[in-house]
Amino acid sequence: MALSDVQKDCIVFYLGYPARILYPGSTSYSRIFADRLDNFNIESEKRVKALLMKIESLDKKLEAAQCRVSTLEVDGIKFNAEGEIRSLKRERTRCIQELARFIDIPKIGGMNMGDVCV
């Protein structure tokens, strides 16, 4: 079973590309990008799906951590919410970089200016 359109859109979003990159006729369309997301063997596809699920899980954990950040101490117990957020963001970035390497599509945008696709 191939990646769904939703999964492909998630990959496009996580790697920082324009949403229309997978749509023929769009000025952003890339046949190379589309081909790379369509041609996986079963085991590689499983790995890509697992990475996508992990990134989604990290996004949910980050959202929950953001809600807790305002409460740093309760009854003398101190929380390290900012450390948790930093760790979750670092792991999310690592997973996205792993996904990019695995599918051989460079991540663009963000703070890493070395990742420019021409």
C-alpha atoms as a PDB file:
ATOM      1  CA  MET A   1       0.000   0.000   0.000  1.00  0.00           C
ATOM      2  CA  ALA A   2       1.410   3.391  -1.013  1.00  0.00           C
ATOM      3  CA  LEU A   3       1.639   6.508   1.103  1.00  0.00           C
ATOM      4  CA  SER A   4      -1.666   8.347   1.349  1.00  0.00           C
ATOM      5  CA  ASP A   5      -2.084  11.905   0.091  1.00  0.00           C
ATOM      6  CA  VAL A   6      -2.299  13.056   3.721  1.00  0.00           C
ATOM      7  CA  GLN A   7       1.028  11.390   4.533  1.00  0.00           C
ATOM      8  CA  LYS A   8       2.630  12.934   1.452  1.00  0.00           C
ATOM      9  CA  ASP A   9       1.292  16.369   2.464  1.00  0.00           C
ATOM     10  CA  CYS A  10       2.775  15.865   5.951  1.00  0.00           C
ATOM     11  CA  ILE A  11       6.169  15.096   4.438  1.00  0.00           C
ATOM     12  CA  VAL A  12       5.951  18.209   2.246  1.00  0.00           C
ATOM     13  CA  PHE A  13       5.057  20.301   5.321  1.00  0.00           C
ATOM     14  CA  TYR A  14       7.751  18.837   7.603  1.00  0.00           C
ATOM     15  CA  LEU A  15      10.453  19.333   4.978  1.00  0.00           C
ATOM     16  CA  GLY A  16       9.431  22.948   4.346  1.00  0.00           C
ATOM     17  CA  TYR A  17       8.269  22.762   0.725  1.00  0.00           C
ATOM     18  CA  PRO A  18       5.320  24.589  -0.861  1.00  0.00           C
ATOM     19  CA  ALA A  19       2.025  22.725  -0.549  1.00  0.00           C
ATOM     20  CA  ARG A  20       1.554  22.562  -4.332  1.00  0.00           C
ATOM     21  CA  ILE A  21       4.842  20.729  -5.028  1.00  0.00           C
ATOM     22  CA  LEU A  22       3.003  17.436  -5.629  1.00  0.00           C
ATOM     23  CA  TYR A  23       0.342  18.855  -7.979  1.00  0.00           C
ATOM     24  CA  PRO A  24       1.062  18.644 -11.726  1.00  0.00           C
ATOM     25  CA  GLY A  25       0.354  21.927 -13.442  1.00  0.00           C
ATOM     26  CA  SER A  26       1.425  23.947 -10.423  1.00  0.00           C
ATOM     27  CA  THR A  27       4.403  26.269 -10.816  1.00  0.00           C
ATOM     28  CA  SER A  28       5.820  24.577  -7.677  1.00  0.00           C
ATOM     29  CA  TYR A  29       5.419  21.036  -9.057  1.00  0.00           C
ATOM     30  CA  SER A  30       8.434  18.737  -8.876  1.00  0.00           C
ATOM     31  CA  ARG A  31       8.267  15.389 -10.690  1.00  0.00           C
ATOM     32  CA  ILE A  32      11.395  14.227  -8.839  1.00  0.00           C
ATOM     33  CA  PHE A  33       9.772  14.996  -5.479  1.00  0.00           C
ATOM     34  CA  ALA A  34       6.540  13.237  -6.496  1.00  0.00           C
ATOM     35  CA  ASP A  35       8.426  10.178  -7.802  1.00  0.00           C
ATOM     36  CA  ARG A  36      10.415   9.824  -4.595  1.00  0.00           C
ATOM     37  CA  LEU A  37       7.223   9.755  -2.543  1.00  0.00           C
ATOM     38  CA  ASP A  38       5.583   7.195  -4.841  1.00  0.00           C
ATOM     39  CA  ASN A  39       8.311   4.590  -5.176  1.00  0.00           C
ATOM     40  CA  PHE A  40       9.029   2.818  -1.881  1.00  0.00           C
ATOM     41  CA  ASN A  41       9.382  -0.875  -1.233  1.00  0.00           C
ATOM     42  CA  ILE A  42       7.193  -2.272   1.555  1.00  0.00           C
ATOM     43  CA  GLU A  43       9.834  -2.074   4.304  1.00  0.00           C
ATOM     44  CA  SER A  44      10.907   1.457   3.396  1.00  0.00           C
ATOM     45  CA  GLU A  45       7.285   2.564   3.334  1.00  0.00           C
ATOM     46  CA  LYS A  46       6.789   1.102   6.831  1.00  0.00           C
ATOM     47  CA  ARG A  47       9.802   3.079   8.073  1.00  0.00           C
ATOM     48  CA  VAL A  48       8.519   6.328   6.531  1.00  0.00           C
ATOM     49  CA  LYS A  49       5.077   5.792   8.090  1.00  0.00           C
ATOM     50  CA  ALA A  50       6.675   5.052  11.487  1.00  0.00           C
ATOM     51  CA  LEU A  51       8.683   8.281  11.302  1.00  0.00           C
ATOM     52  CA  LEU A  52       5.572  10.248  10.386  1.00  0.00           C
ATOM     53  CA  MET A  53       3.687   8.754  13.346  1.00  0.00           C
ATOM     54  CA  LYS A  54       6.593   9.590  15.669  1.00  0.00           C
ATOM     55  CA  ILE A  55       6.713  13.204  14.459  1.00  0.00           C
ATOM     56  CA  GLU A  56       2.940  13.492  14.905  1.00  0.00           C
ATOM     57  CA  SER A  57       3.266  12.091  18.432  1.00  0.00           C
ATOM     58  CA  LEU A  58       6.010  14.599  19.231  1.00  0.00           C
ATOM     59  CA  ASP A  59       3.798  17.417  17.916  1.00  0.00           C
ATOM     60  CA  LYS A  60       1.027  16.343  20.301  1.00  0.00           C
ATOM     61  CA  LYS A  61       3.474  16.151  23.221  1.00  0.00           C
ATOM     62  CA  LEU A  62       4.803  19.624  22.359  1.00  0.00           C
ATOM     63  CA  GLU A  63       1.288  21.034  22.320  1.00  0.00           C
ATOM     64  CA  ALA A  64       0.559  19.494  25.726  1.00  0.00           C
ATOM     65  CA  ALA A  65       3.865  20.758  27.124  1.00  0.00           C
ATOM     66  CA  GLN A  66       3.077  24.302  25.951  1.00  0.00           C
ATOM     67  CA  CYS A  67      -0.101  24.205  28.077  1.00  0.00           C
ATOM     68  CA  ARG A  68       1.887  23.155  31.143  1.00  0.00           C
ATOM     69  CA  VAL A  69       4.648  25.739  30.770  1.00  0.00           C
ATOM     70  CA  SER A  70       2.705  28.392  32.689  1.00  0.00           C
ATOM     71  CA  THR A  71       2.699  26.253  35.860  1.00  0.00           C
ATOM     72  CA  LEU A  72       6.288  25.942  37.013  1.00  0.00           C
ATOM     73  CA  GLU A  73       5.711  25.180  40.693  1.00  0.00           C
ATOM     74  CA  VAL A  74       2.922  23.495  42.648  1.00  0.00           C
ATOM     75  CA  ASP A  75       3.133  22.868  46.423  1.00  0.00           C
ATOM     76  CA  GLY A  76       6.893  23.259  46.394  1.00  0.00           C
ATOM     77  CA  ILE A  77       7.351  20.892  43.434  1.00  0.00           C
ATOM     78  CA  LYS A  78       9.173  22.568  40.553  1.00  0.00           C
ATOM     79  CA  PHE A  79       8.607  21.528  36.968  1.00  0.00           C
ATOM     80  CA  ASN A  80      11.113  21.788  34.163  1.00  0.00           C
ATOM     81  CA  ALA A  81       8.625  22.389  31.350  1.00  0.00           C
ATOM     82  CA  GLU A  82      11.040  24.469  29.286  1.00  0.00           C
ATOM     83  CA  GLY A  83      13.582  21.632  29.365  1.00  0.00           C
ATOM     84  CA  GLU A  84      10.867  19.232  28.225  1.00  0.00           C
ATOM     85  CA  ILE A  85       9.911  21.505  25.330  1.00  0.00           C
ATOM     86  CA  ARG A  86      13.541  21.901  24.293  1.00  0.00           C
ATOM     87  CA  SER A  87      14.032  18.104  24.344  1.00  0.00           C
ATOM     88  CA  LEU A  88      10.852  17.461  22.375  1.00  0.00           C
ATOM     89  CA  LYS A  89      11.809  20.049  19.736  1.00  0.00           C
ATOM     90  CA  ARG A  90      15.290  18.555  19.428  1.00  0.00           C
ATOM     91  CA  GLU A  91      13.855  15.042  18.966  1.00  0.00           C
ATOM     92  CA  ARG A  92      11.305  16.323  16.438  1.00  0.00           C
ATOM     93  CA  THR A  93      14.063  18.014  14.438  1.00  0.00           C
ATOM     94  CA  ARG A  94      16.144  14.820  14.559  1.00  0.00           C
ATOM     95  CA  CYS A  95      13.205  12.747  13.255  1.00  0.00           C
ATOM     96  CA  ILE A  96      12.517  15.186  10.421  1.00  0.00           C
ATOM     97  CA  GLN A  97      16.193  15.140   9.428  1.00  0.00           C
ATOM     98  CA  GLU A  98      16.154  11.337   9.526  1.00  0.00           C
ATOM     99  CA  LEU A  99      13.053  11.329   7.306  1.00  0.00           C
ATOM    100  CA  ALA A 100      14.711  13.740   4.859  1.00  0.00           C
ATOM    101  CA  ARG A 101      17.851  11.593   4.640  1.00  0.00           C
ATOM    102  CA  PHE A 102      15.882   8.381   4.274  1.00  0.00           C
ATOM    103  CA  ILE A 103      13.681   9.578   1.405  1.00  0.00           C
ATOM    104  CA  ASP A 104      16.574  11.559  -0.119  1.00  0.00           C
ATOM    105  CA  ILE A 105      14.792  14.904  -0.170  1.00  0.00           C
ATOM    106  CA  PRO A 106      16.596  17.751   1.628  1.00  0.00           C
ATOM    107  CA  LYS A 107      14.811  19.776   4.277  1.00  0.00           C
ATOM    108  CA  ILE A 108      14.557  23.467   3.414  1.00  0.00           C
ATOM    109  CA  GLY A 109      13.748  26.584   5.410  1.00  0.00           C
ATOM    110  CA  GLY A 110      14.169  27.193   9.106  1.00  0.00           C
ATOM    111  CA  MET A 111      17.444  28.130  10.730  1.00  0.00           C
ATOM    112  CA  ASN A 112      19.603  25.724   8.713  1.00  0.00           C
ATOM    113  CA  MET A 113      20.487  27.870   5.728  1.00  0.00           C
ATOM    114  CA  GLY A 114      22.731  25.150   4.286  1.00  0.00           C
ATOM    115  CA  ASP A 115      19.706  23.150   3.152  1.00  0.00           C
ATOM    116  CA  VAL A 116      18.745  24.991  -0.003  1.00  0.00           C
ATOM    117  CA  CYS A 117      17.167  23.092  -2.889  1.00  0.00           C
ATOM    118  CA  VAL A 118      17.694  24.508  -6.354  1.00  0.00           C
END
